[in-house]
Amino acid sequence: MTILVLTLLVLVAIVVLVYPFWAARYGSVLFDNPARDLEAGIRRARDRVYEEIRALQQEYFLGNMTEAEYRAQLQAARRRAAELIREQQQVNETAAAIEDRVDTELRELIPRDGEGKEEA
């Protein structure tokens, strides 16, 4: 009997020690959040556009492009950055609206204290 109890204690200790590592590696796979993934992708795309703007500035200051080329490419990059910011705002607004709707529907489905009980 003592061996069984000790074995169970050791198994519980191992599970407690291993769980954080397992959750860090596989936990996010279980609970995907498409809105968060989309927002992260948009943020990365916007960062790439900002990097492109910095590269354009360097090329222009080094004299590798004319002012007209620089202005045209800079304007296009700024437009793309603005589009990405609008997309990110739309994703955030849509996610917030969905979350509000789910919360509202859950509140309607779950009876409050005293509601839904028949009087005897």
N, C-alpha and C. Protein backbone atom coordinates (compact mmCIF):
# COMPACT_ATOMS: atom_id res chain seq x y z
N MET A 1 0.82 -1.19 0.00
CA MET A 1 0.00 0.00 0.00
C MET A 1 0.87 1.26 0.00
N THR A 2 1.92 1.23 0.77
CA THR A 2 2.82 2.37 0.86
C THR A 2 3.49 2.63 -0.49
N ILE A 3 3.86 1.56 -1.17
CA ILE A 3 4.51 1.71 -2.48
C ILE A 3 3.53 2.35 -3.48
N LEU A 4 2.28 1.97 -3.43
CA LEU A 4 1.27 2.55 -4.32
C LEU A 4 1.09 4.04 -4.06
N VAL A 5 1.02 4.44 -2.82
CA VAL A 5 0.86 5.85 -2.46
C VAL A 5 2.08 6.64 -2.90
N LEU A 6 3.27 6.12 -2.65
CA LEU A 6 4.49 6.81 -3.05
C LEU A 6 4.59 6.93 -4.57
N THR A 7 4.19 5.88 -5.28
CA THR A 7 4.20 5.91 -6.73
C THR A 7 3.26 6.98 -7.26
N LEU A 8 2.08 7.06 -6.68
CA LEU A 8 1.12 8.09 -7.08
C LEU A 8 1.66 9.50 -6.79
N LEU A 9 2.31 9.67 -5.65
CA LEU A 9 2.90 10.97 -5.32
C LEU A 9 4.00 11.36 -6.31
N VAL A 10 4.82 10.40 -6.68
CA VAL A 10 5.89 10.66 -7.64
C VAL A 10 5.29 11.02 -9.00
N LEU A 11 4.27 10.30 -9.43
CA LEU A 11 3.62 10.60 -10.70
C LEU A 11 2.99 12.00 -10.69
N VAL A 12 2.34 12.36 -9.61
CA VAL A 12 1.75 13.69 -9.50
C VAL A 12 2.85 14.76 -9.56
N ALA A 13 3.95 14.53 -8.87
CA ALA A 13 5.06 15.49 -8.88
C ALA A 13 5.64 15.64 -10.29
N ILE A 14 5.76 14.54 -11.01
CA ILE A 14 6.28 14.60 -12.38
C ILE A 14 5.33 15.39 -13.28
N VAL A 15 4.04 15.12 -13.14
CA VAL A 15 3.05 15.84 -13.95
C VAL A 15 3.10 17.33 -13.64
N VAL A 16 3.20 17.69 -12.38
CA VAL A 16 3.26 19.11 -11.99
C VAL A 16 4.52 19.77 -12.55
N LEU A 17 5.61 19.06 -12.59
CA LEU A 17 6.86 19.63 -13.11
C LEU A 17 6.87 19.71 -14.64
N VAL A 18 6.27 18.74 -15.31
CA VAL A 18 6.34 18.67 -16.77
C VAL A 18 5.25 19.53 -17.43
N TYR A 19 4.13 19.73 -16.78
CA TYR A 19 3.01 20.43 -17.39
C TYR A 19 3.37 21.83 -17.93
N PRO A 20 4.07 22.69 -17.20
CA PRO A 20 4.39 24.02 -17.75
C PRO A 20 5.17 23.96 -19.06
N PHE A 21 6.09 23.02 -19.17
CA PHE A 21 6.86 22.88 -20.40
C PHE A 21 5.98 22.39 -21.54
N TRP A 22 5.12 21.45 -21.25
CA TRP A 22 4.21 20.94 -22.26
C TRP A 22 3.23 22.02 -22.71
N ALA A 23 2.69 22.77 -21.76
CA ALA A 23 1.72 23.82 -22.09
C ALA A 23 2.37 24.92 -22.92
N ALA A 24 3.63 25.24 -22.63
CA ALA A 24 4.32 26.28 -23.39
C ALA A 24 4.52 25.85 -24.84
N ARG A 25 4.76 24.59 -25.05
CA ARG A 25 5.02 24.11 -26.41
C ARG A 25 3.74 23.82 -27.17
N TYR A 26 2.79 23.14 -26.53
CA TYR A 26 1.60 22.68 -27.24
C TYR A 26 0.32 23.39 -26.83
N GLY A 27 0.36 24.18 -25.79
CA GLY A 27 -0.86 24.82 -25.28
C GLY A 27 -1.45 25.81 -26.26
N SER A 28 -0.63 26.59 -26.94
CA SER A 28 -1.16 27.58 -27.87
C SER A 28 -1.79 26.92 -29.09
N VAL A 29 -1.39 25.71 -29.40
CA VAL A 29 -1.97 25.00 -30.54
C VAL A 29 -3.42 24.63 -30.23
N LEU A 30 -3.71 24.37 -28.97
CA LEU A 30 -5.05 23.97 -28.60
C LEU A 30 -6.04 25.13 -28.67
N PHE A 31 -5.56 26.34 -28.40
CA PHE A 31 -6.44 27.49 -28.34
C PHE A 31 -6.00 28.55 -29.34
N ASP A 32 -6.15 28.24 -30.62
CA ASP A 32 -5.79 29.20 -31.66
C ASP A 32 -6.75 30.38 -31.61
N ASN A 33 -6.22 31.53 -31.90
CA ASN A 33 -7.03 32.73 -31.98
C ASN A 33 -6.77 33.35 -33.34
N PRO A 34 -7.65 33.10 -34.31
CA PRO A 34 -7.41 33.60 -35.66
C PRO A 34 -7.29 35.12 -35.72
N ALA A 35 -8.05 35.82 -34.91
CA ALA A 35 -7.97 37.29 -34.92
C ALA A 35 -6.59 37.75 -34.46
N ARG A 36 -6.06 37.11 -33.44
CA ARG A 36 -4.73 37.47 -32.94
C ARG A 36 -3.67 37.12 -33.98
N ASP A 37 -3.83 35.98 -34.65
CA ASP A 37 -2.88 35.59 -35.69
C ASP A 37 -2.93 36.57 -36.86
N LEU A 38 -4.14 36.98 -37.25
CA LEU A 38 -4.29 37.93 -38.34
C LEU A 38 -3.68 39.28 -37.97
N GLU A 39 -3.94 39.71 -36.75
CA GLU A 39 -3.37 40.99 -36.29
C GLU A 39 -1.84 40.93 -36.26
N ALA A 40 -1.29 39.82 -35.83
CA ALA A 40 0.18 39.67 -35.81
C ALA A 40 0.74 39.69 -37.23
N GLY A 41 0.06 39.06 -38.16
CA GLY A 41 0.51 39.08 -39.55
C GLY A 41 0.47 40.47 -40.14
N ILE A 42 -0.58 41.21 -39.82
CA ILE A 42 -0.68 42.59 -40.30
C ILE A 42 0.42 43.44 -39.68
N ARG A 43 0.69 43.23 -38.40
CA ARG A 43 1.76 43.99 -37.72
C ARG A 43 3.12 43.70 -38.35
N ARG A 44 3.37 42.43 -38.68
CA ARG A 44 4.63 42.08 -39.33
C ARG A 44 4.74 42.73 -40.71
N ALA A 45 3.63 42.74 -41.46
CA ALA A 45 3.63 43.38 -42.78
C ALA A 45 3.88 44.87 -42.65
N ARG A 46 3.29 45.49 -41.64
CA ARG A 46 3.51 46.92 -41.43
C ARG A 46 4.95 47.19 -41.05
N ASP A 47 5.54 46.33 -40.22
CA ASP A 47 6.95 46.49 -39.87
C ASP A 47 7.85 46.37 -41.10
N ARG A 48 7.48 45.47 -42.03
CA ARG A 48 8.26 45.35 -43.27
C ARG A 48 8.16 46.63 -44.10
N VAL A 49 6.99 47.24 -44.13
CA VAL A 49 6.82 48.49 -44.88
C VAL A 49 7.67 49.59 -44.23
N TYR A 50 7.68 49.64 -42.91
CA TYR A 50 8.50 50.65 -42.23
C TYR A 50 9.98 50.43 -42.51
N GLU A 51 10.38 49.17 -42.57
CA GLU A 51 11.77 48.86 -42.91
C GLU A 51 12.07 49.29 -44.35
N GLU A 52 11.10 49.09 -45.24
CA GLU A 52 11.27 49.52 -46.62
C GLU A 52 11.43 51.05 -46.69
N ILE A 53 10.67 51.77 -45.88
CA ILE A 53 10.79 53.23 -45.85
C ILE A 53 12.18 53.65 -45.37
N ARG A 54 12.68 52.97 -44.34
CA ARG A 54 14.04 53.28 -43.87
C ARG A 54 15.09 53.00 -44.95
N ALA A 55 14.90 51.90 -45.67
CA ALA A 55 15.84 51.57 -46.75
C ALA A 55 15.76 52.61 -47.86
N LEU A 56 14.56 53.07 -48.18
CA LEU A 56 14.40 54.12 -49.19
C LEU A 56 15.12 55.40 -48.77
N GLN A 57 14.99 55.75 -47.51
CA GLN A 57 15.67 56.95 -47.01
C GLN A 57 17.17 56.82 -47.13
N GLN A 58 17.69 55.65 -46.80
CA GLN A 58 19.13 55.43 -46.91
C GLN A 58 19.58 55.53 -48.37
N GLU A 59 18.84 54.90 -49.27
CA GLU A 59 19.19 54.95 -50.69
C GLU A 59 19.17 56.39 -51.21
N TYR A 60 18.18 57.15 -50.79
CA TYR A 60 18.07 58.53 -51.24
C TYR A 60 19.23 59.38 -50.70
N PHE A 61 19.53 59.22 -49.41
CA PHE A 61 20.60 60.02 -48.82
C PHE A 61 21.97 59.63 -49.36
N LEU A 62 22.11 58.37 -49.80
CA LEU A 62 23.37 57.95 -50.42
C LEU A 62 23.47 58.41 -51.87
N GLY A 63 22.38 58.92 -52.42
CA GLY A 63 22.40 59.42 -53.78
C GLY A 63 22.18 58.35 -54.83
N ASN A 64 21.62 57.20 -54.43
CA ASN A 64 21.39 56.11 -55.37
C ASN A 64 20.08 56.22 -56.13
N MET A 65 19.26 57.23 -55.80
CA MET A 65 18.00 57.42 -56.52
C MET A 65 17.69 58.91 -56.59
N THR A 66 16.90 59.25 -57.58
CA THR A 66 16.52 60.66 -57.74
C THR A 66 15.44 61.01 -56.74
N GLU A 67 15.23 62.32 -56.59
CA GLU A 67 14.21 62.76 -55.65
C GLU A 67 12.82 62.33 -56.10
N ALA A 68 12.57 62.33 -57.40
CA ALA A 68 11.26 61.92 -57.92
C ALA A 68 11.00 60.44 -57.64
N GLU A 69 12.00 59.60 -57.84
CA GLU A 69 11.86 58.17 -57.53
C GLU A 69 11.61 57.96 -56.03
N TYR A 70 12.38 58.68 -55.23
CA TYR A 70 12.25 58.57 -53.78
C TYR A 70 10.85 58.96 -53.34
N ARG A 71 10.37 60.10 -53.83
CA ARG A 71 9.03 60.58 -53.43
C ARG A 71 7.95 59.58 -53.86
N ALA A 72 8.03 59.06 -55.07
CA ALA A 72 7.02 58.12 -55.57
C ALA A 72 7.01 56.84 -54.73
N GLN A 73 8.18 56.29 -54.47
CA GLN A 73 8.25 55.04 -53.70
C GLN A 73 7.86 55.27 -52.24
N LEU A 74 8.26 56.43 -51.69
CA LEU A 74 7.90 56.76 -50.31
C LEU A 74 6.39 56.91 -50.18
N GLN A 75 5.77 57.57 -51.12
CA GLN A 75 4.32 57.76 -51.08
C GLN A 75 3.60 56.41 -51.16
N ALA A 76 4.07 55.52 -52.03
CA ALA A 76 3.46 54.19 -52.15
C ALA A 76 3.61 53.40 -50.85
N ALA A 77 4.77 53.48 -50.24
CA ALA A 77 5.01 52.76 -48.98
C ALA A 77 4.13 53.34 -47.86
N ARG A 78 4.00 54.64 -47.82
CA ARG A 78 3.15 55.25 -46.79
C ARG A 78 1.69 54.85 -46.99
N ARG A 79 1.25 54.80 -48.25
CA ARG A 79 -0.12 54.37 -48.53
C ARG A 79 -0.35 52.95 -48.05
N ARG A 80 0.62 52.07 -48.32
CA ARG A 80 0.50 50.67 -47.89
C ARG A 80 0.47 50.57 -46.37
N ALA A 81 1.29 51.35 -45.69
CA ALA A 81 1.29 51.35 -44.22
C ALA A 81 -0.06 51.81 -43.68
N ALA A 82 -0.64 52.85 -44.31
CA ALA A 82 -1.95 53.33 -43.88
C ALA A 82 -3.03 52.27 -44.10
N GLU A 83 -2.96 51.54 -45.23
CA GLU A 83 -3.91 50.46 -45.49
C GLU A 83 -3.79 49.37 -44.43
N LEU A 84 -2.58 49.04 -44.06
CA LEU A 84 -2.37 48.01 -43.04
C LEU A 84 -2.89 48.46 -41.68
N ILE A 85 -2.72 49.73 -41.36
CA ILE A 85 -3.25 50.24 -40.09
C ILE A 85 -4.78 50.16 -40.10
N ARG A 86 -5.41 50.52 -41.22
CA ARG A 86 -6.87 50.41 -41.32
C ARG A 86 -7.32 48.95 -41.19
N GLU A 87 -6.60 48.04 -41.83
CA GLU A 87 -6.94 46.61 -41.72
C GLU A 87 -6.84 46.15 -40.27
N GLN A 88 -5.79 46.58 -39.57
CA GLN A 88 -5.62 46.17 -38.18
C GLN A 88 -6.76 46.72 -37.32
N GLN A 89 -7.18 47.95 -37.57
CA GLN A 89 -8.30 48.52 -36.82
C GLN A 89 -9.59 47.76 -37.10
N GLN A 90 -9.80 47.36 -38.35
CA GLN A 90 -10.99 46.59 -38.69
C GLN A 90 -10.99 45.24 -37.99
N VAL A 91 -9.82 44.60 -37.96
CA VAL A 91 -9.72 43.30 -37.27
C VAL A 91 -10.04 43.48 -35.79
N ASN A 92 -9.48 44.51 -35.17
CA ASN A 92 -9.74 44.76 -33.76
C ASN A 92 -11.21 45.05 -33.50
N GLU A 93 -11.82 45.88 -34.35
CA GLU A 93 -13.24 46.20 -34.18
C GLU A 93 -14.12 44.98 -34.38
N THR A 94 -13.80 44.17 -35.39
CA THR A 94 -14.59 42.96 -35.65
C THR A 94 -14.47 41.98 -34.49
N ALA A 95 -13.25 41.80 -33.99
CA ALA A 95 -13.05 40.88 -32.86
C ALA A 95 -13.79 41.38 -31.63
N ALA A 96 -13.77 42.68 -31.38
CA ALA A 96 -14.48 43.23 -30.23
C ALA A 96 -15.99 43.05 -30.39
N ALA A 97 -16.50 43.27 -31.61
CA ALA A 97 -17.94 43.10 -31.85
C ALA A 97 -18.36 41.64 -31.65
N ILE A 98 -17.54 40.72 -32.14
CA ILE A 98 -17.85 39.29 -31.97
C ILE A 98 -17.82 38.93 -30.49
N GLU A 99 -16.83 39.41 -29.77
CA GLU A 99 -16.73 39.12 -28.34
C GLU A 99 -17.93 39.68 -27.59
N ASP A 100 -18.35 40.91 -27.92
CA ASP A 100 -19.53 41.49 -27.28
C ASP A 100 -20.78 40.69 -27.57
N ARG A 101 -20.92 40.25 -28.82
CA ARG A 101 -22.11 39.48 -29.20
C ARG A 101 -22.14 38.13 -28.47
N VAL A 102 -20.98 37.49 -28.38
CA VAL A 102 -20.92 36.20 -27.66
C VAL A 102 -21.26 36.41 -26.19
N ASP A 103 -20.70 37.47 -25.58
CA ASP A 103 -21.01 37.75 -24.17
C ASP A 103 -22.50 38.00 -23.98
N THR A 104 -23.10 38.76 -24.89
CA THR A 104 -24.53 39.06 -24.80
C THR A 104 -25.36 37.79 -24.91
N GLU A 105 -25.02 36.95 -25.87
CA GLU A 105 -25.79 35.71 -26.06
C GLU A 105 -25.60 34.76 -24.87
N LEU A 106 -24.40 34.73 -24.31
CA LEU A 106 -24.18 33.88 -23.13
C LEU A 106 -24.99 34.38 -21.94
N ARG A 107 -25.05 35.71 -21.77
CA ARG A 107 -25.84 36.26 -20.66
C ARG A 107 -27.32 35.92 -20.83
N GLU A 108 -27.79 35.90 -22.08
CA GLU A 108 -29.19 35.57 -22.33
C GLU A 108 -29.47 34.09 -22.07
N LEU A 109 -28.50 33.24 -22.32
CA LEU A 109 -28.70 31.80 -22.15
C LEU A 109 -28.58 31.34 -20.71
N ILE A 110 -27.73 32.00 -19.95
CA ILE A 110 -27.50 31.59 -18.57
C ILE A 110 -28.50 32.32 -17.68
N PRO A 111 -29.38 31.56 -17.01
CA PRO A 111 -30.37 32.22 -16.14
C PRO A 111 -29.69 32.84 -14.93
N ARG A 112 -30.17 34.00 -14.58
CA ARG A 112 -29.62 34.69 -13.40
C ARG A 112 -30.25 34.13 -12.15
N ASP A 113 -29.72 34.49 -11.00
CA ASP A 113 -30.25 34.02 -9.71
C ASP A 113 -31.73 34.38 -9.60
N GLY A 114 -32.53 33.40 -9.35
CA GLY A 114 -33.95 33.63 -9.18
C GLY A 114 -34.73 33.52 -10.47
N GLU A 115 -34.11 33.64 -11.60
CA GLU A 115 -34.79 33.53 -12.87
C GLU A 115 -34.86 32.07 -13.30
N GLY A 116 -35.89 31.70 -13.95
CA GLY A 116 -36.01 30.36 -14.49
C GLY A 116 -36.44 29.33 -13.47
N LYS A 117 -36.62 29.74 -12.21
CA LYS A 117 -37.07 28.80 -11.18
C LYS A 117 -38.57 28.98 -10.98
N GLU A 118 -39.25 27.88 -10.94
CA GLU A 118 -40.69 27.94 -10.73
C GLU A 118 -40.96 28.02 -9.24
N GLU A 119 -41.97 28.80 -8.91
CA GLU A 119 -42.34 28.91 -7.49
C GLU A 119 -43.17 27.71 -7.12
N ALA A 120 -42.95 27.22 -5.90
CA ALA A 120 -43.66 26.02 -5.45
C ALA A 120 -44.96 26.35 -4.82
